[in-house]
mmCIF file of all heavy atoms, coordinates in Angstrom:
data_MODEL
# 
_entry.id   MODEL 
# 
loop_
_atom_site.group_PDB 
_atom_site.id 
_atom_site.type_symbol 
_atom_site.label_atom_id 
_atom_site.label_alt_id 
_atom_site.label_comp_id 
_atom_site.label_asym_id 
_atom_site.label_entity_id 
_atom_site.label_seq_id 
_atom_site.pdbx_PDB_ins_code 
_atom_site.Cartn_x 
_atom_site.Cartn_y 
_atom_site.Cartn_z 
_atom_site.occupancy 
_atom_site.B_iso_or_equiv 
_atom_site.pdbx_formal_charge 
_atom_site.auth_seq_id 
_atom_site.auth_comp_id 
_atom_site.auth_asym_id 
_atom_site.auth_atom_id 
_atom_site.pdbx_PDB_model_num 
ATOM 1   N N   . LEU A 1 1  ? 0.850  -1.209 -0.008 1.00 0.00 ? 1  LEU A N   1 
ATOM 2   C CA  . LEU A 1 1  ? -0.017 -0.036 0.024  1.00 0.00 ? 1  LEU A CA  1 
ATOM 3   C C   . LEU A 1 1  ? 0.895  1.246  0.016  1.00 0.00 ? 1  LEU A C   1 
ATOM 4   O O   . LEU A 1 1  ? 1.685  1.428  0.884  1.00 0.00 ? 1  LEU A O   1 
ATOM 5   C CB  . LEU A 1 1  ? -0.955 -0.012 1.212  1.00 0.00 ? 1  LEU A CB  1 
ATOM 6   C CG  . LEU A 1 1  ? -1.651 1.315  1.527  1.00 0.00 ? 1  LEU A CG  1 
ATOM 7   C CD1 . LEU A 1 1  ? -2.644 1.628  0.358  1.00 0.00 ? 1  LEU A CD1 1 
ATOM 8   C CD2 . LEU A 1 1  ? -2.452 1.210  2.858  1.00 0.00 ? 1  LEU A CD2 1 
ATOM 9   N N   . ILE A 1 2  ? 0.729  2.073  -1.015 1.00 0.00 ? 2  ILE A N   1 
ATOM 10  C CA  . ILE A 1 2  ? 1.378  3.387  -1.083 1.00 0.00 ? 2  ILE A CA  1 
ATOM 11  C C   . ILE A 1 2  ? 0.337  4.418  -0.684 1.00 0.00 ? 2  ILE A C   1 
ATOM 12  O O   . ILE A 1 2  ? -0.736 4.427  -1.277 1.00 0.00 ? 2  ILE A O   1 
ATOM 13  C CB  . ILE A 1 2  ? 1.913  3.667  -2.472 1.00 0.00 ? 2  ILE A CB  1 
ATOM 14  C CG1 . ILE A 1 2  ? 2.985  2.644  -2.866 1.00 0.00 ? 2  ILE A CG1 1 
ATOM 15  C CG2 . ILE A 1 2  ? 2.499  5.097  -2.563 1.00 0.00 ? 2  ILE A CG2 1 
ATOM 16  C CD1 . ILE A 1 2  ? 3.447  2.712  -4.289 1.00 0.00 ? 2  ILE A CD1 1 
ATOM 17  N N   . ILE A 1 3  ? 0.618  5.293  0.268  1.00 0.00 ? 3  ILE A N   1 
ATOM 18  C CA  . ILE A 1 3  ? -0.379 6.216  0.773  1.00 0.00 ? 3  ILE A CA  1 
ATOM 19  C C   . ILE A 1 3  ? 0.179  7.643  0.746  1.00 0.00 ? 3  ILE A C   1 
ATOM 20  O O   . ILE A 1 3  ? 1.342  7.867  1.164  1.00 0.00 ? 3  ILE A O   1 
ATOM 21  C CB  . ILE A 1 3  ? -0.907 5.883  2.156  1.00 0.00 ? 3  ILE A CB  1 
ATOM 22  C CG1 . ILE A 1 3  ? -1.870 6.931  2.698  1.00 0.00 ? 3  ILE A CG1 1 
ATOM 23  C CG2 . ILE A 1 3  ? 0.249  5.636  3.135  1.00 0.00 ? 3  ILE A CG2 1 
ATOM 24  C CD1 . ILE A 1 3  ? -2.597 6.514  3.932  1.00 0.00 ? 3  ILE A CD1 1 
ATOM 25  N N   . ARG A 1 4  ? -0.628 8.590  0.293  1.00 0.00 ? 4  ARG A N   1 
ATOM 26  C CA  . ARG A 1 4  ? -0.326 10.009 0.327  1.00 0.00 ? 4  ARG A CA  1 
ATOM 27  C C   . ARG A 1 4  ? -1.523 10.739 0.922  1.00 0.00 ? 4  ARG A C   1 
ATOM 28  O O   . ARG A 1 4  ? -2.645 10.747 0.389  1.00 0.00 ? 4  ARG A O   1 
ATOM 29  C CB  . ARG A 1 4  ? -0.136 10.482 -1.149 1.00 0.00 ? 4  ARG A CB  1 
ATOM 30  C CG  . ARG A 1 4  ? 0.113  11.976 -1.319 1.00 0.00 ? 4  ARG A CG  1 
ATOM 31  C CD  . ARG A 1 4  ? 0.258  12.302 -2.818 1.00 0.00 ? 4  ARG A CD  1 
ATOM 32  N NE  . ARG A 1 4  ? 0.372  13.705 -3.111 1.00 0.00 ? 4  ARG A NE  1 
ATOM 33  C CZ  . ARG A 1 4  ? 1.526  14.343 -3.205 1.00 0.00 ? 4  ARG A CZ  1 
ATOM 34  N NH1 . ARG A 1 4  ? 2.666  13.676 -3.051 1.00 0.00 ? 4  ARG A NH1 1 
ATOM 35  N NH2 . ARG A 1 4  ? 1.558  15.632 -3.506 1.00 0.00 ? 4  ARG A NH2 1 
ATOM 36  N N   . THR A 1 5  ? -1.340 11.251 2.148  1.00 0.00 ? 5  THR A N   1 
ATOM 37  C CA  . THR A 1 5  ? -2.475 11.781 2.886  1.00 0.00 ? 5  THR A CA  1 
ATOM 38  C C   . THR A 1 5  ? -1.971 12.960 3.775  1.00 0.00 ? 5  THR A C   1 
ATOM 39  O O   . THR A 1 5  ? -0.849 13.419 3.700  1.00 0.00 ? 5  THR A O   1 
ATOM 40  C CB  . THR A 1 5  ? -3.122 10.694 3.649  1.00 0.00 ? 5  THR A CB  1 
ATOM 41  O OG1 . THR A 1 5  ? -4.367 11.172 4.188  1.00 0.00 ? 5  THR A OG1 1 
ATOM 42  C CG2 . THR A 1 5  ? -2.301 10.176 4.798  1.00 0.00 ? 5  THR A CG2 1 
ATOM 43  N N   . PHE A 1 6  ? -2.891 13.401 4.662  1.00 0.00 ? 6  PHE A N   1 
ATOM 44  C CA  . PHE A 1 6  ? -2.591 14.530 5.510  1.00 0.00 ? 6  PHE A CA  1 
ATOM 45  C C   . PHE A 1 6  ? -1.901 14.097 6.842  1.00 0.00 ? 6  PHE A C   1 
ATOM 46  O O   . PHE A 1 6  ? -0.827 14.521 7.152  1.00 0.00 ? 6  PHE A O   1 
ATOM 47  C CB  . PHE A 1 6  ? -3.872 15.304 5.786  1.00 0.00 ? 6  PHE A CB  1 
ATOM 48  C CG  . PHE A 1 6  ? -4.469 15.988 4.610  1.00 0.00 ? 6  PHE A CG  1 
ATOM 49  C CD1 . PHE A 1 6  ? -5.333 15.398 3.775  1.00 0.00 ? 6  PHE A CD1 1 
ATOM 50  C CD2 . PHE A 1 6  ? -4.083 17.303 4.279  1.00 0.00 ? 6  PHE A CD2 1 
ATOM 51  C CE1 . PHE A 1 6  ? -5.897 16.010 2.637  1.00 0.00 ? 6  PHE A CE1 1 
ATOM 52  C CE2 . PHE A 1 6  ? -4.615 17.980 3.179  1.00 0.00 ? 6  PHE A CE2 1 
ATOM 53  C CZ  . PHE A 1 6  ? -5.531 17.323 2.369  1.00 0.00 ? 6  PHE A CZ  1 
ATOM 54  N N   . ALA A 1 7  ? -2.574 13.283 7.576  1.00 0.00 ? 7  ALA A N   1 
ATOM 55  C CA  . ALA A 1 7  ? -2.149 12.936 8.941  1.00 0.00 ? 7  ALA A CA  1 
ATOM 56  C C   . ALA A 1 7  ? -1.135 11.824 8.967  1.00 0.00 ? 7  ALA A C   1 
ATOM 57  O O   . ALA A 1 7  ? -1.394 10.718 8.464  1.00 0.00 ? 7  ALA A O   1 
ATOM 58  C CB  . ALA A 1 7  ? -3.369 12.605 9.771  1.00 0.00 ? 7  ALA A CB  1 
ATOM 59  N N   . GLN A 1 8  ? 0.002  12.104 9.599  1.00 0.00 ? 8  GLN A N   1 
ATOM 60  C CA  . GLN A 1 8  ? 1.016  11.044 9.812  1.00 0.00 ? 8  GLN A CA  1 
ATOM 61  C C   . GLN A 1 8  ? 0.416  9.902  10.628 1.00 0.00 ? 8  GLN A C   1 
ATOM 62  O O   . GLN A 1 8  ? 0.771  8.732  10.452 1.00 0.00 ? 8  GLN A O   1 
ATOM 63  C CB  . GLN A 1 8  ? 2.227  11.627 10.497 1.00 0.00 ? 8  GLN A CB  1 
ATOM 64  C CG  . GLN A 1 8  ? 3.363  10.675 10.795 1.00 0.00 ? 8  GLN A CG  1 
ATOM 65  C CD  . GLN A 1 8  ? 4.022  10.121 9.526  1.00 0.00 ? 8  GLN A CD  1 
ATOM 66  O OE1 . GLN A 1 8  ? 4.205  10.835 8.589  1.00 0.00 ? 8  GLN A OE1 1 
ATOM 67  N NE2 . GLN A 1 8  ? 4.325  8.817  9.543  1.00 0.00 ? 8  GLN A NE2 1 
ATOM 68  N N   . ALA A 1 9  ? -0.436 10.170 11.587 1.00 0.00 ? 9  ALA A N   1 
ATOM 69  C CA  . ALA A 1 9  ? -0.999 9.219  12.469 1.00 0.00 ? 9  ALA A CA  1 
ATOM 70  C C   . ALA A 1 9  ? -1.795 8.145  11.678 1.00 0.00 ? 9  ALA A C   1 
ATOM 71  O O   . ALA A 1 9  ? -1.770 6.971  12.010 1.00 0.00 ? 9  ALA A O   1 
ATOM 72  C CB  . ALA A 1 9  ? -1.893 9.824  13.525 1.00 0.00 ? 9  ALA A CB  1 
ATOM 73  N N   . GLU A 1 10 ? -2.421 8.578  10.565 1.00 0.00 ? 10 GLU A N   1 
ATOM 74  C CA  . GLU A 1 10 ? -3.132 7.615  9.705  1.00 0.00 ? 10 GLU A CA  1 
ATOM 75  C C   . GLU A 1 10 ? -2.201 6.633  9.091  1.00 0.00 ? 10 GLU A C   1 
ATOM 76  O O   . GLU A 1 10 ? -2.471 5.439  9.012  1.00 0.00 ? 10 GLU A O   1 
ATOM 77  C CB  . GLU A 1 10 ? -3.927 8.430  8.677  1.00 0.00 ? 10 GLU A CB  1 
ATOM 78  C CG  . GLU A 1 10 ? -4.796 7.540  7.831  1.00 0.00 ? 10 GLU A CG  1 
ATOM 79  C CD  . GLU A 1 10 ? -5.688 8.312  6.866  1.00 0.00 ? 10 GLU A CD  1 
ATOM 80  O OE1 . GLU A 1 10 ? -5.785 9.586  7.039  1.00 0.00 ? 10 GLU A OE1 1 
ATOM 81  O OE2 . GLU A 1 10 ? -6.245 7.750  5.917  1.00 0.00 ? 10 GLU A OE2 1 
ATOM 82  N N   . VAL A 1 11 ? -1.067 7.154  8.601  1.00 0.00 ? 11 VAL A N   1 
ATOM 83  C CA  . VAL A 1 11 ? -0.047 6.247  7.976  1.00 0.00 ? 11 VAL A CA  1 
ATOM 84  C C   . VAL A 1 11 ? 0.500  5.302  9.041  1.00 0.00 ? 11 VAL A C   1 
ATOM 85  O O   . VAL A 1 11 ? 0.673  4.110  8.754  1.00 0.00 ? 11 VAL A O   1 
ATOM 86  C CB  . VAL A 1 11 ? 1.063  7.103  7.331  1.00 0.00 ? 11 VAL A CB  1 
ATOM 87  C CG1 . VAL A 1 11 ? 2.196  6.192  6.841  1.00 0.00 ? 11 VAL A CG1 1 
ATOM 88  C CG2 . VAL A 1 11 ? 0.540  7.937  6.196  1.00 0.00 ? 11 VAL A CG2 1 
ATOM 89  N N   . ASP A 1 12 ? 0.862  5.836  10.256 1.00 0.00 ? 12 ASP A N   1 
ATOM 90  C CA  . ASP A 1 12 ? 1.357  4.960  11.294 1.00 0.00 ? 12 ASP A CA  1 
ATOM 91  C C   . ASP A 1 12 ? 0.397  3.838  11.622 1.00 0.00 ? 12 ASP A C   1 
ATOM 92  O O   . ASP A 1 12 ? 0.782  2.713  11.843 1.00 0.00 ? 12 ASP A O   1 
ATOM 93  C CB  . ASP A 1 12 ? 1.715  5.806  12.526 1.00 0.00 ? 12 ASP A CB  1 
ATOM 94  C CG  . ASP A 1 12 ? 2.839  6.752  12.250 1.00 0.00 ? 12 ASP A CG  1 
ATOM 95  O OD1 . ASP A 1 12 ? 3.658  6.561  11.336 1.00 0.00 ? 12 ASP A OD1 1 
ATOM 96  O OD2 . ASP A 1 12 ? 2.928  7.749  13.011 1.00 0.00 ? 12 ASP A OD2 1 
ATOM 97  N N   . GLN A 1 13 ? -0.900 4.207  11.722 1.00 0.00 ? 13 GLN A N   1 
ATOM 98  C CA  . GLN A 1 13 ? -1.888 3.227  12.060 1.00 0.00 ? 13 GLN A CA  1 
ATOM 99  C C   . GLN A 1 13 ? -2.108 2.164  11.009 1.00 0.00 ? 13 GLN A C   1 
ATOM 100 O O   . GLN A 1 13 ? -2.246 0.944  11.297 1.00 0.00 ? 13 GLN A O   1 
ATOM 101 C CB  . GLN A 1 13 ? -3.230 3.917  12.410 1.00 0.00 ? 13 GLN A CB  1 
ATOM 102 C CG  . GLN A 1 13 ? -4.279 2.965  13.077 1.00 0.00 ? 13 GLN A CG  1 
ATOM 103 C CD  . GLN A 1 13 ? -5.517 3.683  13.484 1.00 0.00 ? 13 GLN A CD  1 
ATOM 104 O OE1 . GLN A 1 13 ? -5.603 4.935  13.439 1.00 0.00 ? 13 GLN A OE1 1 
ATOM 105 N NE2 . GLN A 1 13 ? -6.528 2.932  13.837 1.00 0.00 ? 13 GLN A NE2 1 
ATOM 106 N N   . LEU A 1 14 ? -2.063 2.558  9.769  1.00 0.00 ? 14 LEU A N   1 
ATOM 107 C CA  . LEU A 1 14 ? -2.183 1.622  8.627  1.00 0.00 ? 14 LEU A CA  1 
ATOM 108 C C   . LEU A 1 14 ? -0.968 0.645  8.651  1.00 0.00 ? 14 LEU A C   1 
ATOM 109 O O   . LEU A 1 14 ? -1.186 -0.513 8.492  1.00 0.00 ? 14 LEU A O   1 
ATOM 110 C CB  . LEU A 1 14 ? -2.197 2.355  7.299  1.00 0.00 ? 14 LEU A CB  1 
ATOM 111 C CG  . LEU A 1 14 ? -3.591 2.959  6.940  1.00 0.00 ? 14 LEU A CG  1 
ATOM 112 C CD1 . LEU A 1 14 ? -3.424 3.920  5.737  1.00 0.00 ? 14 LEU A CD1 1 
ATOM 113 C CD2 . LEU A 1 14 ? -4.565 1.841  6.522  1.00 0.00 ? 14 LEU A CD2 1 
ATOM 114 N N   . GLY A 1 15 ? 0.178  1.207  8.948  1.00 0.00 ? 15 GLY A N   1 
ATOM 115 C CA  . GLY A 1 15 ? 1.357  0.319  9.041  1.00 0.00 ? 15 GLY A CA  1 
ATOM 116 C C   . GLY A 1 15 ? 1.222  -0.644 10.147 1.00 0.00 ? 15 GLY A C   1 
ATOM 117 O O   . GLY A 1 15 ? 1.632  -1.846 10.019 1.00 0.00 ? 15 GLY A O   1 
ATOM 118 N N   . ALA A 1 16 ? 0.662  -0.260 11.275 1.00 0.00 ? 16 ALA A N   1 
ATOM 119 C CA  . ALA A 1 16 ? 0.556  -1.155 12.440 1.00 0.00 ? 16 ALA A CA  1 
ATOM 120 C C   . ALA A 1 16 ? -0.510 -2.226 12.187 1.00 0.00 ? 16 ALA A C   1 
ATOM 121 O O   . ALA A 1 16 ? -0.364 -3.352 12.694 1.00 0.00 ? 16 ALA A O   1 
ATOM 122 C CB  . ALA A 1 16 ? 0.156  -0.368 13.684 1.00 0.00 ? 16 ALA A CB  1 
ATOM 123 N N   . GLN A 1 17 ? -1.564 -1.961 11.436 1.00 0.00 ? 17 GLN A N   1 
ATOM 124 C CA  . GLN A 1 17 ? -2.665 -2.869 11.245 1.00 0.00 ? 17 GLN A CA  1 
ATOM 125 C C   . GLN A 1 17 ? -2.553 -3.670 9.994  1.00 0.00 ? 17 GLN A C   1 
ATOM 126 O O   . GLN A 1 17 ? -3.134 -4.792 9.903  1.00 0.00 ? 17 GLN A O   1 
ATOM 127 C CB  . GLN A 1 17 ? -3.979 -2.077 11.196 1.00 0.00 ? 17 GLN A CB  1 
ATOM 128 C CG  . GLN A 1 17 ? -4.276 -1.346 12.535 1.00 0.00 ? 17 GLN A CG  1 
ATOM 129 C CD  . GLN A 1 17 ? -4.479 -2.284 13.689 1.00 0.00 ? 17 GLN A CD  1 
ATOM 130 O OE1 . GLN A 1 17 ? -5.073 -3.357 13.557 1.00 0.00 ? 17 GLN A OE1 1 
ATOM 131 N NE2 . GLN A 1 17 ? -4.028 -1.883 14.843 1.00 0.00 ? 17 GLN A NE2 1 
ATOM 132 N N   . ALA A 1 18 ? -1.880 -3.199 8.946  1.00 0.00 ? 18 ALA A N   1 
ATOM 133 C CA  . ALA A 1 18 ? -1.732 -3.946 7.710  1.00 0.00 ? 18 ALA A CA  1 
ATOM 134 C C   . ALA A 1 18 ? -0.704 -5.016 7.808  1.00 0.00 ? 18 ALA A C   1 
ATOM 135 O O   . ALA A 1 18 ? 0.389  -4.844 8.473  1.00 0.00 ? 18 ALA A O   1 
ATOM 136 C CB  . ALA A 1 18 ? -1.407 -3.015 6.539  1.00 0.00 ? 18 ALA A CB  1 
ATOM 137 N N   . SER A 1 19 ? -0.910 -6.177 7.152  1.00 0.00 ? 19 SER A N   1 
ATOM 138 C CA  . SER A 1 19 ? 0.051  -7.249 7.130  1.00 0.00 ? 19 SER A CA  1 
ATOM 139 C C   . SER A 1 19 ? 1.003  -7.113 5.922  1.00 0.00 ? 19 SER A C   1 
ATOM 140 O O   . SER A 1 19 ? 1.966  -7.842 5.794  1.00 0.00 ? 19 SER A O   1 
ATOM 141 C CB  . SER A 1 19 ? -0.622 -8.595 7.066  1.00 0.00 ? 19 SER A CB  1 
ATOM 142 O OG  . SER A 1 19 ? -1.438 -8.688 5.910  1.00 0.00 ? 19 SER A OG  1 
ATOM 143 N N   . ILE A 1 20 ? 0.696  -6.128 5.050  1.00 0.00 ? 20 ILE A N   1 
ATOM 144 C CA  . ILE A 1 20 ? 1.517  -5.872 3.839  1.00 0.00 ? 20 ILE A CA  1 
ATOM 145 C C   . ILE A 1 20 ? 2.331  -4.587 4.126  1.00 0.00 ? 20 ILE A C   1 
ATOM 146 O O   . ILE A 1 20 ? 2.077  -3.823 4.986  1.00 0.00 ? 20 ILE A O   1 
ATOM 147 C CB  . ILE A 1 20 ? 0.631  -5.666 2.629  1.00 0.00 ? 20 ILE A CB  1 
ATOM 148 C CG1 . ILE A 1 20 ? -0.396 -4.509 2.863  1.00 0.00 ? 20 ILE A CG1 1 
ATOM 149 C CG2 . ILE A 1 20 ? -0.064 -7.010 2.274  1.00 0.00 ? 20 ILE A CG2 1 
ATOM 150 C CD1 . ILE A 1 20 ? -1.171 -4.178 1.591  1.00 0.00 ? 20 ILE A CD1 1 
ATOM 151 N N   . PRO A 1 21 ? 3.414  -4.395 3.294  1.00 0.00 ? 21 PRO A N   1 
ATOM 152 C CA  . PRO A 1 21 ? 4.174  -3.128 3.489  1.00 0.00 ? 21 PRO A CA  1 
ATOM 153 C C   . PRO A 1 21 ? 3.350  -1.905 3.191  1.00 0.00 ? 21 PRO A C   1 
ATOM 154 O O   . PRO A 1 21 ? 2.556  -1.865 2.264  1.00 0.00 ? 21 PRO A O   1 
ATOM 155 C CB  . PRO A 1 21 ? 5.319  -3.309 2.450  1.00 0.00 ? 21 PRO A CB  1 
ATOM 156 C CG  . PRO A 1 21 ? 5.409  -4.752 2.181  1.00 0.00 ? 21 PRO A CG  1 
ATOM 157 C CD  . PRO A 1 21 ? 4.014  -5.296 2.372  1.00 0.00 ? 21 PRO A CD  1 
ATOM 158 N N   . VAL A 1 22 ? 3.531  -0.870 4.032  1.00 0.00 ? 22 VAL A N   1 
ATOM 159 C CA  . VAL A 1 22 ? 2.889  0.420  3.864  1.00 0.00 ? 22 VAL A CA  1 
ATOM 160 C C   . VAL A 1 22 ? 3.995  1.449  3.557  1.00 0.00 ? 22 VAL A C   1 
ATOM 161 O O   . VAL A 1 22 ? 4.934  1.515  4.357  1.00 0.00 ? 22 VAL A O   1 
ATOM 162 C CB  . VAL A 1 22 ? 2.013  0.850  5.033  1.00 0.00 ? 22 VAL A CB  1 
ATOM 163 C CG1 . VAL A 1 22 ? 1.442  2.199  4.899  1.00 0.00 ? 22 VAL A CG1 1 
ATOM 164 C CG2 . VAL A 1 22 ? 0.869  -0.164 5.275  1.00 0.00 ? 22 VAL A CG2 1 
ATOM 165 N N   . ILE A 1 23 ? 3.843  2.199  2.514  1.00 0.00 ? 23 ILE A N   1 
ATOM 166 C CA  . ILE A 1 23 ? 4.863  3.179  2.147  1.00 0.00 ? 23 ILE A CA  1 
ATOM 167 C C   . ILE A 1 23 ? 4.297  4.584  2.169  1.00 0.00 ? 23 ILE A C   1 
ATOM 168 O O   . ILE A 1 23 ? 3.266  4.886  1.477  1.00 0.00 ? 23 ILE A O   1 
ATOM 169 C CB  . ILE A 1 23 ? 5.349  2.844  0.657  1.00 0.00 ? 23 ILE A CB  1 
ATOM 170 C CG1 . ILE A 1 23 ? 6.003  1.461  0.673  1.00 0.00 ? 23 ILE A CG1 1 
ATOM 171 C CG2 . ILE A 1 23 ? 6.374  3.891  0.226  1.00 0.00 ? 23 ILE A CG2 1 
ATOM 172 C CD1 . ILE A 1 23 ? 6.162  0.896  -0.715 1.00 0.00 ? 23 ILE A CD1 1 
ATOM 173 N N   . ASN A 1 24 ? 4.926  5.417  2.924  1.00 0.00 ? 24 ASN A N   1 
ATOM 174 C CA  . ASN A 1 24 ? 4.482  6.854  3.080  1.00 0.00 ? 24 ASN A CA  1 
ATOM 175 C C   . ASN A 1 24 ? 5.005  7.660  1.866  1.00 0.00 ? 24 ASN A C   1 
ATOM 176 O O   . ASN A 1 24 ? 6.165  7.915  1.728  1.00 0.00 ? 24 ASN A O   1 
ATOM 177 C CB  . ASN A 1 24 ? 5.079  7.416  4.399  1.00 0.00 ? 24 ASN A CB  1 
ATOM 178 C CG  . ASN A 1 24 ? 4.714  8.887  4.594  1.00 0.00 ? 24 ASN A CG  1 
ATOM 179 O OD1 . ASN A 1 24 ? 4.061  9.482  3.762  1.00 0.00 ? 24 ASN A OD1 1 
ATOM 180 N ND2 . ASN A 1 24 ? 5.109  9.411  5.735  1.00 0.00 ? 24 ASN A ND2 1 
ATOM 181 N N   . ALA A 1 25 ? 4.014  8.089  1.032  1.00 0.00 ? 25 ALA A N   1 
ATOM 182 C CA  . ALA A 1 25 ? 4.353  8.860  -0.119 1.00 0.00 ? 25 ALA A CA  1 
ATOM 183 C C   . ALA A 1 25 ? 3.991  10.345 0.088  1.00 0.00 ? 25 ALA A C   1 
ATOM 184 O O   . ALA A 1 25 ? 3.981  11.127 -0.837 1.00 0.00 ? 25 ALA A O   1 
ATOM 185 C CB  . ALA A 1 25 ? 3.627  8.356  -1.361 1.00 0.00 ? 25 ALA A CB  1 
ATOM 186 N N   . LEU A 1 26 ? 3.821  10.707 1.332  1.00 0.00 ? 26 LEU A N   1 
ATOM 187 C CA  . LEU A 1 26 ? 3.681  12.151 1.791  1.00 0.00 ? 26 LEU A CA  1 
ATOM 188 C C   . LEU A 1 26 ? 2.676  12.222 2.852  1.00 0.00 ? 26 LEU A C   1 
ATOM 189 O O   . LEU A 1 26 ? 1.574  11.677 2.709  1.00 0.00 ? 26 LEU A O   1 
ATOM 190 C CB  . LEU A 1 26 ? 3.347  13.111 0.632  1.00 0.00 ? 26 LEU A CB  1 
ATOM 191 C CG  . LEU A 1 26 ? 3.139  14.556 1.061  1.00 0.00 ? 26 LEU A CG  1 
ATOM 192 C CD1 . LEU A 1 26 ? 3.712  15.564 0.019  1.00 0.00 ? 26 LEU A CD1 1 
ATOM 193 C CD2 . LEU A 1 26 ? 1.646  14.892 1.198  1.00 0.00 ? 26 LEU A CD2 1 
# 
């Protein structure tokens, strides 16, 4: 999952809950 969004907390939470790699694209 590549994600580009506003809140860093949303990215952190997706990384914690997803079993696949999560990549912060901003």
